[in-house]
Amino acid sequence: TVAAGAAFRGAVAARPGLAHAHLRLGSYYYFMARYEEAADCYRRVVALTPSHYEGYNHLGAVLFELEDYDGAQAMFEKSLALEPTYDAYTNLGSLYFYRHRYADAVNMFRRSLAIDGDQYAVWGYLGESLYWAPGLRDSSRTAYGEAIRLATAQQADNLDDTYLISDLASYHAHLGQSEQSLALSAQLEEKEDVIAEVMFIIADAYEQMGRREKALDWLERACAADLSLAKIELYPGLRELRTHPRYRDMVARRGG
């Protein structure tokens, strides 16, 4: 909110030498998708406190959003050198995945899960990395199964969580369980509060199930909601879809 932003900026003005104040303001800008301003805040954090591993990790996350992948990788690695954390391992794993370094992504996600093995999303990330890593696809079934188990347990308390529903739909689709995936995807058809990232996940689920027109429908909605084209272009599960005329028209309309 505007009031929250003003409060965070006020805290920085009052104590400009306090790294934590810049960190909180950076997080505000990040969640408002004001990435350049967030990056400036996080750079200030690590300038004030060079050992601030959270600052490097947050800066890496912002640089990833700004599509500076080399810079993001350097920041995640710096963060991990200072303090091996669940968040930094997960973030570096995600970056490796989008750079098509699937075996390296597997390694990072396994390190994340060694710290906290109860996070369904990271089991899902591990499953996806194994799915695309050469020779490891069979191993992905166990990871996806664990992601489904944990997510289903969490869903009992979050029946309207669209992100969780889309993740479950994706996991079932990758396991070839189309009936379950379709039932979950259908829950999102009439919802109005679906964000672009959720639309992207559902598009991928439909593509995995061989329903390309539905995948394109959801992808068009995601693009209309300002999903990054870079994310689509780098995602391995949409490789064949990206050759479809509807997708090429979509890119042309975005000026890609």
C-alpha atoms as a PDB file:
ATOM      1  CA  THR A   1       0.000   0.000   0.000  1.00  0.00           C
ATOM      2  CA  VAL A   2       0.975   3.647  -0.343  1.00  0.00           C
ATOM      3  CA  ALA A   3       1.006   4.054   3.436  1.00  0.00           C
ATOM      4  CA  ALA A   4       3.323   1.084   3.899  1.00  0.00           C
ATOM      5  CA  GLY A   5       5.725   2.420   1.295  1.00  0.00           C
ATOM      6  CA  ALA A   6       5.776   5.796   2.987  1.00  0.00           C
ATOM      7  CA  ALA A   7       6.477   4.147   6.329  1.00  0.00           C
ATOM      8  CA  PHE A   8       9.388   2.130   4.954  1.00  0.00           C
ATOM      9  CA  ARG A   9      10.849   5.157   3.200  1.00  0.00           C
ATOM     10  CA  GLY A  10      10.485   7.091   6.439  1.00  0.00           C
ATOM     11  CA  ALA A  11      12.418   4.425   8.316  1.00  0.00           C
ATOM     12  CA  VAL A  12      15.247   4.645   5.777  1.00  0.00           C
ATOM     13  CA  ALA A  13      15.309   8.450   6.010  1.00  0.00           C
ATOM     14  CA  ALA A  14      15.438   8.283   9.795  1.00  0.00           C
ATOM     15  CA  ARG A  15      18.253   5.715   9.902  1.00  0.00           C
ATOM     16  CA  PRO A  16      20.014   5.635   6.510  1.00  0.00           C
ATOM     17  CA  GLY A  17      22.902   3.637   7.922  1.00  0.00           C
ATOM     18  CA  LEU A  18      20.679   0.763   9.076  1.00  0.00           C
ATOM     19  CA  ALA A  19      20.828  -2.116   6.609  1.00  0.00           C
ATOM     20  CA  HIS A  20      17.591  -3.658   7.880  1.00  0.00           C
ATOM     21  CA  ALA A  21      15.622  -0.518   6.991  1.00  0.00           C
ATOM     22  CA  HIS A  22      16.833  -0.726   3.385  1.00  0.00           C
ATOM     23  CA  LEU A  23      16.070  -4.462   3.359  1.00  0.00           C
ATOM     24  CA  ARG A  24      12.441  -3.879   4.364  1.00  0.00           C
ATOM     25  CA  LEU A  25      12.006  -1.089   1.824  1.00  0.00           C
ATOM     26  CA  GLY A  26      13.540  -3.321  -0.846  1.00  0.00           C
ATOM     27  CA  SER A  27      11.085  -6.082   0.005  1.00  0.00           C
ATOM     28  CA  TYR A  28       8.211  -3.620  -0.297  1.00  0.00           C
ATOM     29  CA  TYR A  29       9.401  -2.584  -3.762  1.00  0.00           C
ATOM     30  CA  TYR A  30       9.928  -6.227  -4.748  1.00  0.00           C
ATOM     31  CA  PHE A  31       6.371  -7.236  -3.910  1.00  0.00           C
ATOM     32  CA  MET A  32       5.114  -4.162  -5.761  1.00  0.00           C
ATOM     33  CA  ALA A  33       7.130  -5.376  -8.804  1.00  0.00           C
ATOM     34  CA  ARG A  34       9.242  -2.204  -8.681  1.00  0.00           C
ATOM     35  CA  TYR A  35      12.376  -4.218  -9.303  1.00  0.00           C
ATOM     36  CA  GLU A  36      14.876  -1.508 -10.166  1.00  0.00           C
ATOM     37  CA  GLU A  37      14.072   0.331  -6.936  1.00  0.00           C
ATOM     38  CA  ALA A  38      14.243  -2.930  -5.000  1.00  0.00           C
ATOM     39  CA  ALA A  39      17.662  -3.658  -6.485  1.00  0.00           C
ATOM     40  CA  ASP A  40      18.928  -0.241  -5.382  1.00  0.00           C
ATOM     41  CA  CYS A  41      17.764  -0.966  -1.829  1.00  0.00           C
ATOM     42  CA  TYR A  42      19.405  -4.368  -1.694  1.00  0.00           C
ATOM     43  CA  ARG A  43      22.642  -2.994  -3.121  1.00  0.00           C
ATOM     44  CA  ARG A  44      22.594  -0.510  -0.257  1.00  0.00           C
ATOM     45  CA  VAL A  45      22.089  -3.358   2.206  1.00  0.00           C
ATOM     46  CA  VAL A  46      25.201  -5.245   1.097  1.00  0.00           C
ATOM     47  CA  ALA A  47      27.208  -2.034   0.813  1.00  0.00           C
ATOM     48  CA  LEU A  48      26.400  -1.242   4.456  1.00  0.00           C
ATOM     49  CA  THR A  49      26.862  -4.840   5.633  1.00  0.00           C
ATOM     50  CA  PRO A  50      29.049  -6.912   3.252  1.00  0.00           C
ATOM     51  CA  SER A  51      28.333 -10.068   5.274  1.00  0.00           C
ATOM     52  CA  HIS A  52      24.545  -9.698   4.898  1.00  0.00           C
ATOM     53  CA  TYR A  53      23.727 -13.013   3.205  1.00  0.00           C
ATOM     54  CA  GLU A  54      20.006 -12.188   3.042  1.00  0.00           C
ATOM     55  CA  GLY A  55      20.775  -8.995   1.185  1.00  0.00           C
ATOM     56  CA  TYR A  56      22.715 -10.882  -1.487  1.00  0.00           C
ATOM     57  CA  ASN A  57      19.956 -13.469  -1.797  1.00  0.00           C
ATOM     58  CA  HIS A  58      17.264 -10.798  -2.161  1.00  0.00           C
ATOM     59  CA  LEU A  59      19.374  -8.890  -4.679  1.00  0.00           C
ATOM     60  CA  GLY A  60      19.774 -12.105  -6.668  1.00  0.00           C
ATOM     61  CA  ALA A  61      16.006 -12.609  -6.698  1.00  0.00           C
ATOM     62  CA  VAL A  62      15.462  -9.099  -8.064  1.00  0.00           C
ATOM     63  CA  LEU A  63      18.158  -9.488 -10.717  1.00  0.00           C
ATOM     64  CA  PHE A  64      16.478 -12.729 -11.775  1.00  0.00           C
ATOM     65  CA  GLU A  65      13.232 -10.813 -12.300  1.00  0.00           C
ATOM     66  CA  LEU A  66      15.177  -8.202 -14.292  1.00  0.00           C
ATOM     67  CA  GLU A  67      16.534 -11.066 -16.470  1.00  0.00           C
ATOM     68  CA  ASP A  68      20.127 -10.424 -15.372  1.00  0.00           C
ATOM     69  CA  TYR A  69      20.818 -14.122 -14.891  1.00  0.00           C
ATOM     70  CA  ASP A  70      24.597 -13.847 -14.575  1.00  0.00           C
ATOM     71  CA  GLY A  71      24.208 -11.193 -11.899  1.00  0.00           C
ATOM     72  CA  ALA A  72      21.547 -13.206 -10.084  1.00  0.00           C
ATOM     73  CA  GLN A  73      23.725 -16.320 -10.055  1.00  0.00           C
ATOM     74  CA  ALA A  74      26.669 -14.381  -8.636  1.00  0.00           C
ATOM     75  CA  MET A  75      24.500 -12.993  -5.824  1.00  0.00           C
ATOM     76  CA  PHE A  76      23.020 -16.375  -4.894  1.00  0.00           C
ATOM     77  CA  GLU A  77      26.496 -17.903  -4.841  1.00  0.00           C
ATOM     78  CA  LYS A  78      27.765 -15.042  -2.664  1.00  0.00           C
ATOM     79  CA  SER A  79      24.856 -15.544  -0.269  1.00  0.00           C
ATOM     80  CA  LEU A  80      25.538 -19.283  -0.002  1.00  0.00           C
ATOM     81  CA  ALA A  81      29.257 -18.702   0.553  1.00  0.00           C
ATOM     82  CA  LEU A  82      28.363 -16.551   3.550  1.00  0.00           C
ATOM     83  CA  GLU A  83      25.559 -18.754   4.911  1.00  0.00           C
ATOM     84  CA  PRO A  84      24.068 -21.879   3.288  1.00  0.00           C
ATOM     85  CA  THR A  85      20.305 -21.319   3.521  1.00  0.00           C
ATOM     86  CA  TYR A  86      17.158 -22.979   2.268  1.00  0.00           C
ATOM     87  CA  ASP A  87      16.069 -19.832   0.404  1.00  0.00           C
ATOM     88  CA  ALA A  88      19.343 -19.293  -1.447  1.00  0.00           C
ATOM     89  CA  TYR A  89      19.649 -22.959  -2.449  1.00  0.00           C
ATOM     90  CA  THR A  90      16.080 -22.851  -3.749  1.00  0.00           C
ATOM     91  CA  ASN A  91      16.643 -19.619  -5.653  1.00  0.00           C
ATOM     92  CA  LEU A  92      19.868 -20.840  -7.239  1.00  0.00           C
ATOM     93  CA  GLY A  93      18.154 -24.103  -8.162  1.00  0.00           C
ATOM     94  CA  SER A  94      15.391 -22.167  -9.904  1.00  0.00           C
ATOM     95  CA  LEU A  95      17.941 -20.106 -11.807  1.00  0.00           C
ATOM     96  CA  TYR A  96      19.813 -23.235 -12.893  1.00  0.00           C
ATOM     97  CA  PHE A  97      16.530 -24.737 -14.072  1.00  0.00           C
ATOM     98  CA  TYR A  98      15.767 -21.749 -16.305  1.00  0.00           C
ATOM     99  CA  ARG A  99      19.318 -21.856 -17.620  1.00  0.00           C
ATOM    100  CA  HIS A 100      18.674 -25.503 -18.574  1.00  0.00           C
ATOM    101  CA  ARG A 101      21.259 -26.750 -16.062  1.00  0.00           C
ATOM    102  CA  TYR A 102      18.886 -29.406 -14.779  1.00  0.00           C
ATOM    103  CA  ALA A 103      21.387 -31.644 -12.974  1.00  0.00           C
ATOM    104  CA  ASP A 104      22.752 -28.606 -11.117  1.00  0.00           C
ATOM    105  CA  ALA A 105      19.185 -27.607 -10.247  1.00  0.00           C
ATOM    106  CA  VAL A 106      18.583 -31.099  -8.845  1.00  0.00           C
ATOM    107  CA  ASN A 107      21.632 -30.690  -6.613  1.00  0.00           C
ATOM    108  CA  MET A 108      20.454 -27.315  -5.279  1.00  0.00           C
ATOM    109  CA  PHE A 109      16.911 -28.478  -4.565  1.00  0.00           C
ATOM    110  CA  ARG A 110      18.194 -31.543  -2.743  1.00  0.00           C
ATOM    111  CA  ARG A 111      20.289 -29.246  -0.563  1.00  0.00           C
ATOM    112  CA  SER A 112      17.206 -27.109   0.103  1.00  0.00           C
ATOM    113  CA  LEU A 113      15.229 -30.164   1.148  1.00  0.00           C
ATOM    114  CA  ALA A 114      18.062 -31.315   3.428  1.00  0.00           C
ATOM    115  CA  ILE A 115      17.412 -28.120   5.400  1.00  0.00           C
ATOM    116  CA  ASP A 116      13.613 -28.231   5.217  1.00  0.00           C
ATOM    117  CA  GLY A 117      11.996 -31.306   3.704  1.00  0.00           C
ATOM    118  CA  ASP A 118       8.397 -30.268   4.333  1.00  0.00           C
ATOM    119  CA  GLN A 119       8.023 -27.695   1.556  1.00  0.00           C
ATOM    120  CA  TYR A 120       5.850 -29.182  -1.172  1.00  0.00           C
ATOM    121  CA  ALA A 121       6.897 -26.607  -3.769  1.00  0.00           C
ATOM    122  CA  VAL A 122      10.575 -27.551  -3.561  1.00  0.00           C
ATOM    123  CA  TRP A 123       9.694 -31.235  -3.983  1.00  0.00           C
ATOM    124  CA  GLY A 124       7.822 -30.077  -7.083  1.00  0.00           C
ATOM    125  CA  TYR A 125      10.851 -28.123  -8.310  1.00  0.00           C
ATOM    126  CA  LEU A 126      12.997 -31.188  -7.716  1.00  0.00           C
ATOM    127  CA  GLY A 127      10.518 -33.350  -9.625  1.00  0.00           C
ATOM    128  CA  GLU A 128      10.521 -30.954 -12.551  1.00  0.00           C
ATOM    129  CA  SER A 129      14.322 -30.749 -12.642  1.00  0.00           C
ATOM    130  CA  LEU A 130      14.600 -34.542 -12.575  1.00  0.00           C
ATOM    131  CA  TYR A 131      11.915 -34.734 -15.272  1.00  0.00           C
ATOM    132  CA  TRP A 132      14.019 -32.666 -17.686  1.00  0.00           C
ATOM    133  CA  ALA A 133      17.491 -33.829 -16.643  1.00  0.00           C
ATOM    134  CA  PRO A 134      18.842 -36.393 -19.139  1.00  0.00           C
ATOM    135  CA  GLY A 135      18.366 -39.917 -17.858  1.00  0.00           C
ATOM    136  CA  LEU A 136      16.625 -38.937 -14.614  1.00  0.00           C
ATOM    137  CA  ARG A 137      12.960 -38.717 -15.627  1.00  0.00           C
ATOM    138  CA  ASP A 138      11.974 -41.935 -13.858  1.00  0.00           C
ATOM    139  CA  SER A 139      13.312 -40.501 -10.592  1.00  0.00           C
ATOM    140  CA  SER A 140      10.951 -37.548 -10.896  1.00  0.00           C
ATOM    141  CA  ARG A 141       7.950 -39.699  -9.985  1.00  0.00           C
ATOM    142  CA  THR A 142       9.037 -40.056  -6.368  1.00  0.00           C
ATOM    143  CA  ALA A 143       9.624 -36.312  -6.002  1.00  0.00           C
ATOM    144  CA  TYR A 144       6.283 -35.454  -7.628  1.00  0.00           C
ATOM    145  CA  GLY A 145       4.571 -37.990  -5.394  1.00  0.00           C
ATOM    146  CA  GLU A 146       5.999 -36.364  -2.278  1.00  0.00           C
ATOM    147  CA  ALA A 147       5.001 -32.915  -3.585  1.00  0.00           C
ATOM    148  CA  ILE A 148       1.435 -34.160  -4.089  1.00  0.00           C
ATOM    149  CA  ARG A 149       1.334 -35.701  -0.605  1.00  0.00           C
ATOM    150  CA  LEU A 150       2.488 -32.525   1.116  1.00  0.00           C
ATOM    151  CA  ALA A 151       0.400 -30.196  -1.050  1.00  0.00           C
ATOM    152  CA  THR A 152      -2.769 -32.250  -0.571  1.00  0.00           C
ATOM    153  CA  ALA A 153      -2.294 -32.127   3.194  1.00  0.00           C
ATOM    154  CA  GLN A 154      -1.821 -28.362   3.014  1.00  0.00           C
ATOM    155  CA  GLN A 155      -4.842 -27.937   0.753  1.00  0.00           C
ATOM    156  CA  ALA A 156      -7.143 -29.094   3.557  1.00  0.00           C
ATOM    157  CA  ASP A 157      -6.538 -25.716   5.208  1.00  0.00           C
ATOM    158  CA  ASN A 158      -6.285 -23.708   1.970  1.00  0.00           C
ATOM    159  CA  LEU A 159      -9.147 -24.836  -0.248  1.00  0.00           C
ATOM    160  CA  ASP A 160      -9.143 -21.594  -2.265  1.00  0.00           C
ATOM    161  CA  ASP A 161      -5.379 -21.275  -2.719  1.00  0.00           C
ATOM    162  CA  THR A 162      -5.140 -20.940  -6.503  1.00  0.00           C
ATOM    163  CA  TYR A 163      -1.355 -21.323  -6.506  1.00  0.00           C
ATOM    164  CA  LEU A 164      -1.584 -24.617  -4.623  1.00  0.00           C
ATOM    165  CA  ILE A 165      -4.375 -25.882  -6.899  1.00  0.00           C
ATOM    166  CA  SER A 166      -2.350 -25.090 -10.026  1.00  0.00           C
ATOM    167  CA  ASP A 167       0.756 -26.752  -8.596  1.00  0.00           C
ATOM    168  CA  LEU A 168      -1.203 -29.922  -7.856  1.00  0.00           C
ATOM    169  CA  ALA A 169      -2.644 -29.880 -11.367  1.00  0.00           C
ATOM    170  CA  SER A 170       0.875 -29.612 -12.780  1.00  0.00           C
ATOM    171  CA  TYR A 171       2.248 -32.458 -10.659  1.00  0.00           C
ATOM    172  CA  HIS A 172      -0.561 -34.801 -11.660  1.00  0.00           C
ATOM    173  CA  ALA A 173      -0.123 -33.838 -15.332  1.00  0.00           C
ATOM    174  CA  HIS A 174       3.590 -34.676 -15.217  1.00  0.00           C
ATOM    175  CA  LEU A 175       2.722 -38.050 -13.716  1.00  0.00           C
ATOM    176  CA  GLY A 176       0.273 -38.740 -16.541  1.00  0.00           C
ATOM    177  CA  GLN A 177      -2.701 -38.498 -14.170  1.00  0.00           C
ATOM    178  CA  SER A 178      -4.907 -36.449 -16.485  1.00  0.00           C
ATOM    179  CA  GLU A 179      -8.189 -37.042 -14.687  1.00  0.00           C
ATOM    180  CA  GLN A 180      -6.892 -35.532 -11.447  1.00  0.00           C
ATOM    181  CA  SER A 181      -5.148 -32.690 -13.279  1.00  0.00           C
ATOM    182  CA  LEU A 182      -8.259 -31.793 -15.286  1.00  0.00           C
ATOM    183  CA  ALA A 183     -10.433 -31.747 -12.176  1.00  0.00           C
ATOM    184  CA  LEU A 184      -8.034 -29.377 -10.432  1.00  0.00           C
ATOM    185  CA  SER A 185      -7.617 -27.144 -13.496  1.00  0.00           C
ATOM    186  CA  ALA A 186     -11.400 -26.867 -13.831  1.00  0.00           C
ATOM    187  CA  GLN A 187     -11.557 -25.331 -10.350  1.00  0.00           C
ATOM    188  CA  LEU A 188      -9.700 -22.291 -11.675  1.00  0.00           C
ATOM    189  CA  GLU A 189     -11.848 -21.671 -14.751  1.00  0.00           C
ATOM    190  CA  GLU A 190     -14.363 -19.409 -12.995  1.00  0.00           C
ATOM    191  CA  LYS A 191     -12.069 -17.760 -10.473  1.00  0.00           C
ATOM    192  CA  GLU A 192     -11.355 -14.064 -10.931  1.00  0.00           C
ATOM    193  CA  ASP A 193      -8.360 -13.740  -8.606  1.00  0.00           C
ATOM    194  CA  VAL A 194      -5.970 -15.866 -10.647  1.00  0.00           C
ATOM    195  CA  ILE A 195      -2.529 -14.299 -11.067  1.00  0.00           C
ATOM    196  CA  ALA A 196      -0.353 -14.610 -14.170  1.00  0.00           C
ATOM    197  CA  GLU A 197       2.008 -17.166 -12.609  1.00  0.00           C
ATOM    198  CA  VAL A 198      -0.915 -19.485 -11.818  1.00  0.00           C
ATOM    199  CA  MET A 199      -2.200 -19.106 -15.382  1.00  0.00           C
ATOM    200  CA  PHE A 200       1.248 -20.098 -16.643  1.00  0.00           C
ATOM    201  CA  ILE A 201       1.306 -23.233 -14.467  1.00  0.00           C
ATOM    202  CA  ILE A 202      -2.142 -24.284 -15.713  1.00  0.00           C
ATOM    203  CA  ALA A 203      -1.050 -23.678 -19.309  1.00  0.00           C
ATOM    204  CA  ASP A 204       1.861 -26.028 -18.731  1.00  0.00           C
ATOM    205  CA  ALA A 205      -0.427 -28.650 -17.172  1.00  0.00           C
ATOM    206  CA  TYR A 206      -2.689 -28.599 -20.234  1.00  0.00           C
ATOM    207  CA  GLU A 207       0.323 -28.833 -22.532  1.00  0.00           C
ATOM    208  CA  GLN A 208       1.596 -31.842 -20.601  1.00  0.00           C
ATOM    209  CA  MET A 209      -1.818 -33.462 -21.077  1.00  0.00           C
ATOM    210  CA  GLY A 210      -1.698 -32.860 -24.825  1.00  0.00           C
ATOM    211  CA  ARG A 211      -4.420 -30.199 -24.785  1.00  0.00           C
ATOM    212  CA  ARG A 212      -2.565 -27.473 -26.623  1.00  0.00           C
ATOM    213  CA  GLU A 213      -5.500 -25.196 -27.448  1.00  0.00           C
ATOM    214  CA  LYS A 214      -6.408 -25.007 -23.756  1.00  0.00           C
ATOM    215  CA  ALA A 215      -2.753 -24.413 -22.939  1.00  0.00           C
ATOM    216  CA  LEU A 216      -2.691 -21.526 -25.396  1.00  0.00           C
ATOM    217  CA  ASP A 217      -5.908 -20.106 -23.952  1.00  0.00           C
ATOM    218  CA  TRP A 218      -4.343 -19.921 -20.506  1.00  0.00           C
ATOM    219  CA  LEU A 219      -1.048 -18.660 -21.852  1.00  0.00           C
ATOM    220  CA  GLU A 220      -2.811 -15.818 -23.660  1.00  0.00           C
ATOM    221  CA  ARG A 221      -4.507 -14.897 -20.392  1.00  0.00           C
ATOM    222  CA  ALA A 222      -1.145 -15.007 -18.613  1.00  0.00           C
ATOM    223  CA  CYS A 223       0.434 -12.728 -21.219  1.00  0.00           C
ATOM    224  CA  ALA A 224      -2.492 -10.315 -20.920  1.00  0.00           C
ATOM    225  CA  ALA A 225      -1.703 -10.235 -17.191  1.00  0.00           C
ATOM    226  CA  ASP A 226       1.930  -9.290 -18.016  1.00  0.00           C
ATOM    227  CA  LEU A 227       3.673 -12.618 -17.575  1.00  0.00           C
ATOM    228  CA  SER A 228       7.294 -12.315 -18.711  1.00  0.00           C
ATOM    229  CA  LEU A 229       7.858 -13.651 -22.221  1.00  0.00           C
ATOM    230  CA  ALA A 230      11.350 -14.655 -21.130  1.00  0.00           C
ATOM    231  CA  LYS A 231       9.824 -17.113 -18.664  1.00  0.00           C
ATOM    232  CA  ILE A 232       7.797 -18.740 -21.439  1.00  0.00           C
ATOM    233  CA  GLU A 233      10.713 -18.803 -23.863  1.00  0.00           C
ATOM    234  CA  LEU A 234      13.032 -20.495 -21.357  1.00  0.00           C
ATOM    235  CA  TYR A 235      10.565 -23.073 -20.053  1.00  0.00           C
ATOM    236  CA  PRO A 236      11.312 -26.549 -21.471  1.00  0.00           C
ATOM    237  CA  GLY A 237       7.756 -27.894 -21.201  1.00  0.00           C
ATOM    238  CA  LEU A 238       6.488 -25.341 -23.724  1.00  0.00           C
ATOM    239  CA  ARG A 239       9.190 -25.938 -26.338  1.00  0.00           C
ATOM    240  CA  GLU A 240       6.829 -27.415 -28.935  1.00  0.00           C
ATOM    241  CA  LEU A 241       4.007 -25.029 -28.111  1.00  0.00           C
ATOM    242  CA  ARG A 242       6.284 -22.087 -28.918  1.00  0.00           C
ATOM    243  CA  THR A 243       6.230 -23.119 -32.585  1.00  0.00           C
ATOM    244  CA  HIS A 244       2.420 -22.777 -32.783  1.00  0.00           C
ATOM    245  CA  PRO A 245       1.087 -19.837 -34.863  1.00  0.00           C
ATOM    246  CA  ARG A 246      -1.120 -18.677 -31.994  1.00  0.00           C
ATOM    247  CA  TYR A 247       1.905 -18.362 -29.769  1.00  0.00           C
ATOM    248  CA  ARG A 248       3.947 -16.556 -32.422  1.00  0.00           C
ATOM    249  CA  ASP A 249       1.054 -14.112 -32.892  1.00  0.00           C
ATOM    250  CA  MET A 250       0.979 -13.586 -29.141  1.00  0.00           C
ATOM    251  CA  VAL A 251       4.671 -12.734 -29.114  1.00  0.00           C
ATOM    252  CA  ALA A 252       4.250 -10.365 -32.045  1.00  0.00           C
ATOM    253  CA  ARG A 253       1.468  -8.527 -30.214  1.00  0.00           C
ATOM    254  CA  ARG A 254       3.777  -8.102 -27.226  1.00  0.00           C
ATOM    255  CA  GLY A 255       6.496  -6.769 -29.494  1.00  0.00           C
ATOM    256  CA  GLY A 256       8.741  -9.797 -28.854  1.00  0.00           C
END
